[in-house]
Amino acid sequence: MTFTDMPTLTVTPNPAHTQIRVASDEAMSLVTLRDMNGRTVLEARPNATATVLNVSQLPSGTYILTATTPRGTASRKLVVQ
């Protein structure tokens, strides 16, 4: 698998305050948000190319968002303020 085979993933806004929009070029079966200790703090199964997640209850900090699609998994760093 080459880098160009990976799914395209966008997370906006970043930094976030109350909610984020996660979008991919193909349907995401699983979206996971983990803190920097690797603990899962939020999980969704959108089965869609885009979803909105509420992050307003999360403590400020840096998180890793991972989205799984049929082509593979893509990750992005997310800052919650």
Protein backbone atom coordinates (compact mmCIF):
# COMPACT_ATOMS: atom_id res chain seq x y z
CA MET A 1 0.00 0.00 0.00
CA THR A 2 1.36 3.39 -0.92
CA PHE A 3 0.67 6.72 0.74
CA THR A 4 -1.69 7.71 -2.09
CA ASP A 5 -3.82 4.61 -1.37
CA MET A 6 -4.74 5.94 2.07
CA PRO A 7 -8.14 7.58 2.59
CA THR A 8 -8.32 11.36 2.55
CA LEU A 9 -9.37 12.72 5.95
CA THR A 10 -10.20 16.28 7.01
CA VAL A 11 -11.03 17.48 10.51
CA THR A 12 -12.40 21.01 10.97
CA PRO A 13 -12.14 23.26 12.86
CA ASN A 14 -8.79 22.55 14.40
CA PRO A 15 -8.37 23.76 17.11
CA ALA A 16 -11.92 22.95 18.17
CA HIS A 17 -14.15 24.21 20.96
CA THR A 18 -17.56 22.50 20.81
CA GLN A 19 -17.78 20.25 17.77
CA ILE A 20 -15.77 18.97 14.83
CA ARG A 21 -16.66 17.84 11.35
CA VAL A 22 -14.83 14.74 10.13
CA ALA A 23 -14.94 14.05 6.39
CA SER A 24 -13.39 11.38 4.19
CA ASP A 25 -13.43 10.55 0.49
CA GLU A 26 -15.19 7.26 1.32
CA ALA A 27 -17.53 5.98 4.02
CA MET A 28 -16.01 5.73 7.48
CA SER A 29 -16.98 2.64 9.45
CA LEU A 30 -15.33 3.82 12.68
CA VAL A 31 -14.10 7.16 14.03
CA THR A 32 -12.12 7.10 17.27
CA LEU A 33 -10.76 9.97 19.33
CA ARG A 34 -7.97 9.08 21.78
CA ASP A 35 -6.13 11.18 24.32
CA MET A 36 -2.35 11.31 24.34
CA ASN A 37 -2.27 8.34 26.76
CA GLY A 38 -4.05 6.17 24.19
CA ARG A 39 -7.39 6.07 26.02
CA THR A 40 -10.48 6.17 23.82
CA VAL A 41 -12.53 9.24 24.80
CA LEU A 42 -15.03 9.26 21.93
CA GLU A 43 -16.13 6.73 19.31
CA ALA A 44 -18.65 6.85 16.47
CA ARG A 45 -19.75 4.48 13.71
CA PRO A 46 -21.05 6.88 11.07
CA ASN A 47 -21.08 4.62 7.97
CA ALA A 48 -20.98 7.87 5.98
CA THR A 49 -18.42 10.13 4.33
CA ALA A 50 -18.92 12.86 6.96
CA THR A 51 -19.96 13.16 10.59
CA VAL A 52 -20.09 15.78 13.33
CA LEU A 53 -18.75 14.97 16.80
CA ASN A 54 -19.43 16.90 20.00
CA VAL A 55 -16.15 17.61 21.82
CA SER A 56 -17.50 20.22 24.23
CA GLN A 57 -17.25 17.87 27.25
CA LEU A 58 -13.60 16.98 26.64
CA PRO A 59 -10.79 18.62 28.61
CA SER A 60 -8.55 20.99 26.67
CA GLY A 61 -5.64 19.17 25.13
CA THR A 62 -4.27 17.28 22.16
CA TYR A 63 -6.02 14.19 20.80
CA ILE A 64 -5.53 11.73 17.94
CA LEU A 65 -8.53 11.16 15.68
CA THR A 66 -8.53 7.95 13.64
CA ALA A 67 -11.00 7.07 10.89
CA THR A 68 -11.34 3.62 9.36
CA THR A 69 -12.56 3.16 5.78
CA PRO A 70 -12.54 0.17 3.40
CA ARG A 71 -9.16 1.39 2.05
CA GLY A 72 -7.49 1.69 5.44
CA THR A 73 -7.05 3.96 8.42
CA ALA A 74 -6.06 7.62 8.52
CA SER A 75 -5.20 9.71 11.60
CA ARG A 76 -5.05 13.42 12.38
CA LYS A 77 -3.97 15.39 15.41
CA LEU A 78 -6.77 17.45 16.99
CA VAL A 79 -6.47 20.24 19.54
CA VAL A 80 -9.45 20.92 21.81
CA GLN A 81 -9.45 24.30 23.55
